[in-house]
Amino acid sequence: MRILLTGASGQLGSDCRVALENDYEIIAPDSEEFDITSWDKVITSINQLSPDMILNCAAFTKVDECETEKKLSERINVEGPRNLAQGAARYDKIIVHISSDFVFDGRKRLPQPYFEDDPMAPLSFYGQTKMESEMAVKQNARNYIIIRSGWLYGIRGESFLKKIIRLALKKGQEPIPVVNDQIGSPTWSYRLAQQIKVLIDNRKDGVYHATAEGYCSRYEWAKYLLEKMEMKTPLIPCSSREYPSPATRPVNSILENRQLKVEGVNIMHHWQRDLDIFIDTYGERLLKGEERMRT
């Protein structure tokens, strides 16, 4: 099977390529070769490349910048998936689209998780675009998989995890404030890529949640990370009000992988187990990389 992979140079896209390339033929053009925001280019490219499936990992994920770069985020996060879904429908292809926990308002009482059929009610413009992207896929594609995840980290791209390491290197013994009232499941992008492969292998369709098992606050995540990295920078728990950002983040970002479990295809690990593996594998590389960025 030939898979057209968009966003292949990004955090999740690069891991999807690694997870899939041994069993599938991966076509991974860059954004200049395959501009998902151009309907004509999408249709022409799908016709010429003739993939069996489109895996869309391309997205504008800078949540705060989405509040000011609304036209750009709409083009990439909504128009792009709509074009891909229409192209998939025209040539009878399957589309796999990645969505986000930000489609929910996070107001469920903790620790109640969000399920696949819960109503979407985004708080931020980024969340709005991801909700609209899901609607665009459902309305245009005949065969689709929509996967919601959140709190992603990986060796490629930016993440909360890398930000904390960078700050710890910069601050030394100076305390770092970290919000403790946002709860979610830190999810390794490579594990998510493996889960996506399982869904593809089993020819699944529909909407799925795929995050790490268990949950924590961003403060607890950062604390566990620095302890694992043997970094001594102290952390100070604070509220979201004390650490404001342009985009409103959900307080509760816990997603239950219910459909994966119902169908017997859930391979997601507990967040601490995956973070242990990630740090054991990439810890030194992370330190060297963030040290170079800091200097």
Protein backbone atom coordinates (compact mmCIF):
# COMPACT_ATOMS: atom_id res chain seq x y z
CA MET A 1 0.00 0.00 0.00
CA ARG A 2 1.21 3.48 -0.90
CA ILE A 3 0.74 6.16 1.77
CA LEU A 4 0.98 9.87 0.98
CA LEU A 5 2.36 11.44 4.15
CA THR A 6 1.97 15.20 4.70
CA GLY A 7 3.96 17.01 7.36
CA ALA A 8 6.67 14.35 7.19
CA SER A 9 9.37 16.65 8.57
CA GLY A 10 7.43 17.51 11.72
CA GLN A 11 7.35 15.92 15.15
CA LEU A 12 4.63 13.33 14.50
CA GLY A 13 5.13 13.07 10.74
CA SER A 14 8.79 12.07 11.06
CA ASP A 15 7.89 9.39 13.61
CA CYS A 16 5.07 8.11 11.39
CA ARG A 17 7.52 7.74 8.55
CA VAL A 18 9.82 5.61 10.74
CA ALA A 19 6.93 3.53 12.08
CA LEU A 20 5.42 2.85 8.65
CA GLU A 21 8.23 2.69 6.12
CA ASN A 22 9.17 -0.97 6.67
CA ASP A 23 5.68 -2.22 5.78
CA TYR A 24 4.35 0.47 3.44
CA GLU A 25 5.59 2.57 0.56
CA ILE A 26 5.76 6.12 1.91
CA ILE A 27 5.49 9.14 -0.37
CA ALA A 28 6.59 12.19 1.60
CA PRO A 29 6.82 15.37 -0.49
CA ASP A 30 7.78 18.60 1.25
CA SER A 31 5.33 21.47 1.63
CA GLU A 32 6.60 23.19 -1.53
CA GLU A 33 6.10 20.07 -3.63
CA PHE A 34 2.70 19.33 -2.11
CA ASP A 35 0.89 22.42 -0.83
CA ILE A 36 -2.21 21.15 1.00
CA THR A 37 -3.73 24.66 0.99
CA SER A 38 -4.01 24.65 -2.82
CA TRP A 39 -7.01 22.64 -4.03
CA ASP A 40 -5.70 22.39 -7.60
CA LYS A 41 -2.27 21.17 -6.48
CA VAL A 42 -3.79 18.64 -4.09
CA ILE A 43 -6.07 17.16 -6.74
CA THR A 44 -3.32 17.07 -9.37
CA SER A 45 -0.79 15.54 -6.98
CA ILE A 46 -3.13 12.83 -5.69
CA ASN A 47 -3.95 11.91 -9.27
CA GLN A 48 -0.28 11.76 -10.26
CA LEU A 49 1.08 10.07 -7.11
CA SER A 50 -1.84 7.64 -6.87
CA PRO A 51 -1.57 6.76 -3.15
CA ASP A 52 -3.93 4.29 -1.51
CA MET A 53 -4.08 6.39 1.64
CA ILE A 54 -3.40 9.97 2.75
CA LEU A 55 -1.96 10.45 6.24
CA ASN A 56 -2.24 14.11 7.20
CA CYS A 57 0.25 15.14 9.87
CA ALA A 58 0.55 18.70 8.54
CA ALA A 59 -0.80 21.37 10.90
CA PHE A 60 -0.18 24.83 12.31
CA THR A 61 0.25 23.84 15.97
CA LYS A 62 1.60 27.05 17.52
CA VAL A 63 -1.46 27.51 19.71
CA ASP A 64 -0.77 31.07 20.83
CA GLU A 65 0.23 32.26 17.36
CA CYS A 66 -3.08 30.95 16.01
CA GLU A 67 -4.79 33.75 17.95
CA THR A 68 -3.02 36.37 15.80
CA GLU A 69 -2.28 34.38 12.61
CA LYS A 70 -5.88 33.37 12.05
CA LYS A 71 -5.87 33.35 8.26
CA LEU A 72 -2.72 31.22 8.14
CA SER A 73 -4.00 28.76 10.73
CA GLU A 74 -7.33 28.47 8.89
CA ARG A 75 -5.57 27.77 5.60
CA ILE A 76 -3.36 25.04 7.02
CA ASN A 77 -5.68 23.52 9.64
CA VAL A 78 -9.04 23.75 7.86
CA GLU A 79 -8.65 24.37 4.12
CA GLY A 80 -5.79 21.88 3.89
CA PRO A 81 -7.68 18.94 5.43
CA ARG A 82 -10.77 19.87 3.38
CA ASN A 83 -8.73 19.75 0.17
CA LEU A 84 -7.20 16.42 1.15
CA ALA A 85 -10.61 14.97 2.07
CA GLN A 86 -12.10 16.09 -1.23
CA GLY A 87 -9.14 14.63 -3.09
CA ALA A 88 -9.49 11.38 -1.16
CA ALA A 89 -13.18 11.21 -2.05
CA ARG A 90 -12.61 12.02 -5.73
CA TYR A 91 -10.09 9.21 -6.17
CA ASP A 92 -11.63 6.81 -3.63
CA LYS A 93 -8.72 6.98 -1.15
CA ILE A 94 -8.64 6.66 2.63
CA ILE A 95 -7.63 9.69 4.69
CA VAL A 96 -6.13 9.58 8.18
CA HIS A 97 -6.34 12.95 9.91
CA ILE A 98 -4.75 14.02 13.21
CA SER A 99 -6.83 16.17 15.55
CA SER A 100 -6.43 17.46 19.10
CA ASP A 101 -7.68 17.54 22.67
CA PHE A 102 -8.20 21.28 22.07
CA VAL A 103 -11.55 20.53 20.38
CA PHE A 104 -12.99 20.17 23.93
CA ASP A 105 -13.56 22.93 26.47
CA GLY A 106 -11.89 21.02 29.32
CA ARG A 107 -14.71 21.78 31.75
CA LYS A 108 -15.54 18.19 32.65
CA ARG A 109 -15.03 17.59 36.35
CA LEU A 110 -11.59 16.08 36.94
CA PRO A 111 -10.59 13.30 36.54
CA GLN A 112 -13.46 12.46 34.17
CA PRO A 113 -12.03 11.94 30.68
CA TYR A 114 -13.40 12.97 27.30
CA PHE A 115 -14.77 10.25 25.03
CA GLU A 116 -14.92 10.15 21.25
CA ASP A 117 -18.62 11.07 21.12
CA ASP A 118 -18.49 13.99 23.57
CA PRO A 119 -19.58 17.33 22.06
CA MET A 120 -16.80 19.58 20.81
CA ALA A 121 -16.60 23.10 22.27
CA PRO A 122 -13.15 24.64 21.69
CA LEU A 123 -11.91 27.57 23.77
CA SER A 124 -9.11 28.78 21.47
CA PHE A 125 -8.84 29.61 17.80
CA TYR A 126 -6.47 26.67 17.35
CA GLY A 127 -9.12 24.39 18.87
CA GLN A 128 -11.73 25.95 16.58
CA THR A 129 -9.64 25.14 13.51
CA LYS A 130 -9.11 21.55 14.64
CA MET A 131 -12.85 21.11 15.20
CA GLU A 132 -13.54 22.52 11.74
CA SER A 133 -10.89 20.24 10.26
CA GLU A 134 -12.71 17.22 11.67
CA MET A 135 -15.99 18.48 10.23
CA ALA A 136 -14.34 19.03 6.85
CA VAL A 137 -13.02 15.47 6.78
CA LYS A 138 -16.33 13.94 7.86
CA GLN A 139 -18.33 15.99 5.36
CA ASN A 140 -16.09 15.31 2.36
CA ALA A 141 -14.32 11.96 2.72
CA ARG A 142 -16.07 8.62 2.39
CA ASN A 143 -13.38 6.63 4.21
CA TYR A 144 -11.55 8.28 7.09
CA ILE A 145 -9.81 7.83 10.42
CA ILE A 146 -9.70 10.83 12.76
CA ILE A 147 -7.27 10.52 15.66
CA ARG A 148 -7.36 12.96 18.57
CA SER A 149 -4.28 13.24 20.75
CA GLY A 150 -2.59 15.85 22.90
CA TRP A 151 0.38 16.89 25.01
CA LEU A 152 2.75 15.50 22.39
CA TYR A 153 6.52 15.42 22.72
CA GLY A 154 9.20 13.84 20.55
CA ILE A 155 12.78 14.18 19.39
CA ARG A 156 11.74 16.41 16.49
CA GLY A 157 9.93 19.74 16.70
CA GLU A 158 9.00 21.94 19.63
CA SER A 159 7.20 20.76 22.78
CA PHE A 160 6.54 21.63 26.41
CA LEU A 161 9.16 19.02 27.35
CA LYS A 162 11.91 20.74 25.36
CA LYS A 163 10.86 24.13 26.71
CA ILE A 164 11.28 22.92 30.29
CA ILE A 165 14.72 21.45 29.58
CA ARG A 166 15.80 24.68 27.87
CA LEU A 167 14.58 26.77 30.81
CA ALA A 168 16.30 24.51 33.32
CA LEU A 169 19.59 24.87 31.47
CA LYS A 170 19.16 28.62 31.41
CA LYS A 171 17.91 29.15 34.96
CA GLY A 172 20.19 26.78 36.85
CA GLN A 173 19.06 27.07 40.48
CA GLU A 174 16.55 29.84 39.76
CA PRO A 175 12.99 28.48 40.21
CA ILE A 176 10.74 27.98 37.17
CA PRO A 177 6.98 28.55 37.53
CA VAL A 178 4.87 25.78 35.94
CA VAL A 179 1.08 25.63 35.85
CA ASN A 180 -0.44 22.90 38.00
CA ASP A 181 -4.13 23.27 37.09
CA GLN A 182 -3.97 21.91 33.52
CA ILE A 183 -4.32 18.13 33.46
CA GLY A 184 -3.57 15.80 30.56
CA SER A 185 -1.57 12.82 29.34
CA PRO A 186 1.98 13.45 28.04
CA THR A 187 2.15 11.42 24.84
CA TRP A 188 5.27 10.33 22.98
CA SER A 189 4.84 11.04 19.29
CA TYR A 190 6.56 7.77 18.31
CA ARG A 191 4.11 5.74 20.40
CA LEU A 192 1.27 7.59 18.71
CA ALA A 193 2.84 6.80 15.33
CA GLN A 194 2.88 3.12 16.25
CA GLN A 195 -0.78 3.36 17.26
CA ILE A 196 -1.62 4.97 13.93
CA LYS A 197 0.12 2.05 12.21
CA VAL A 198 -2.04 -0.43 14.15
CA LEU A 199 -5.19 1.37 12.99
CA ILE A 200 -3.93 1.34 9.40
CA ASP A 201 -2.86 -2.32 9.62
CA ASN A 202 -6.33 -3.28 10.84
CA ARG A 203 -8.17 -1.16 8.24
CA LYS A 204 -10.09 0.75 10.89
CA ASP A 205 -12.30 3.78 10.34
CA GLY A 206 -14.02 6.41 12.45
CA VAL A 207 -12.92 8.64 15.34
CA TYR A 208 -10.39 7.51 17.94
CA HIS A 209 -8.68 9.00 20.97
CA ALA A 210 -5.01 8.04 21.31
CA THR A 211 -3.06 9.46 24.22
CA ALA A 212 -0.80 7.91 26.83
CA GLU A 213 -2.52 6.13 29.71
CA GLY A 214 -2.68 7.94 33.03
CA TYR A 215 -2.64 11.69 33.55
CA CYS A 216 -0.83 14.45 35.43
CA SER A 217 -0.56 18.23 35.65
CA ARG A 218 1.99 20.13 33.62
CA TYR A 219 3.84 20.77 36.90
CA GLU A 220 3.94 17.03 37.70
CA TRP A 221 5.12 16.29 34.17
CA ALA A 222 7.93 18.84 34.41
CA LYS A 223 8.93 17.61 37.87
CA TYR A 224 9.12 13.99 36.74
CA LEU A 225 11.07 15.01 33.63
CA LEU A 226 13.72 16.99 35.51
CA GLU A 227 14.12 14.27 38.12
CA LYS A 228 14.61 11.70 35.36
CA MET A 229 17.12 14.01 33.65
CA GLU A 230 18.90 14.58 37.00
CA MET A 231 18.48 18.33 36.64
CA LYS A 232 18.26 20.21 39.94
CA THR A 233 16.36 23.33 38.85
CA PRO A 234 13.49 23.91 41.32
CA LEU A 235 9.92 24.27 40.08
CA ILE A 236 7.14 26.41 41.54
CA PRO A 237 3.52 25.31 40.97
CA CYS A 238 1.28 28.14 39.83
CA SER A 239 -2.20 28.64 38.40
CA SER A 240 -3.02 29.40 34.78
CA ARG A 241 -4.12 32.86 35.90
CA GLU A 242 -0.65 33.52 37.25
CA TYR A 243 0.92 32.38 33.96
CA PRO A 244 -1.38 33.79 31.28
CA SER A 245 -1.06 33.03 27.57
CA PRO A 246 -2.80 34.44 24.47
CA ALA A 247 -4.75 31.21 23.89
CA THR A 248 -6.98 29.67 26.55
CA ARG A 249 -5.99 26.08 27.28
CA PRO A 250 -8.40 23.39 28.50
CA VAL A 251 -8.09 22.62 32.21
CA ASN A 252 -9.04 18.99 31.60
CA SER A 253 -7.32 17.45 28.55
CA ILE A 254 -7.74 13.82 29.59
CA LEU A 255 -8.83 11.72 26.63
CA GLU A 256 -10.03 8.15 27.16
CA ASN A 257 -8.88 5.70 24.48
CA ARG A 258 -12.27 4.03 24.66
CA GLN A 259 -12.72 3.09 21.02
CA LEU A 260 -9.21 1.65 20.77
CA LYS A 261 -9.97 -0.52 23.81
CA VAL A 262 -13.43 -1.55 22.61
CA GLU A 263 -11.91 -2.75 19.34
CA GLY A 264 -8.91 -4.40 21.04
CA VAL A 265 -6.25 -2.32 19.31
CA ASN A 266 -4.98 -0.03 22.08
CA ILE A 267 -1.18 -0.12 22.39
CA MET A 268 -0.70 3.17 24.25
CA HIS A 269 1.56 2.97 27.33
CA HIS A 270 1.41 4.82 30.65
CA TRP A 271 2.93 8.27 30.24
CA GLN A 272 5.69 7.65 32.82
CA ARG A 273 6.76 4.40 31.13
CA ASP A 274 7.08 6.08 27.74
CA LEU A 275 8.84 9.12 29.15
CA ASP A 276 11.36 6.81 30.85
CA ILE A 277 12.08 5.11 27.52
CA PHE A 278 12.27 8.44 25.70
CA ILE A 279 14.74 9.96 28.17
CA ASP A 280 16.86 6.80 28.30
CA THR A 281 17.05 6.89 24.50
CA TYR A 282 17.35 10.61 23.80
CA GLY A 283 18.34 12.28 27.09
CA GLU A 284 21.92 13.16 26.15
CA ARG A 285 20.89 14.26 22.69
CA LEU A 286 18.19 16.50 24.17
CA LEU A 287 20.63 18.16 26.56
CA LYS A 288 23.16 18.81 23.83
CA GLY A 289 20.52 20.11 21.44
CA GLU A 290 18.89 22.47 23.92
CA GLU A 291 22.30 23.65 25.15
CA ARG A 292 23.21 24.61 21.57
CA MET A 293 19.91 26.47 21.17
CA ARG A 294 20.47 28.32 24.44
CA THR A 295 23.91 29.52 23.36
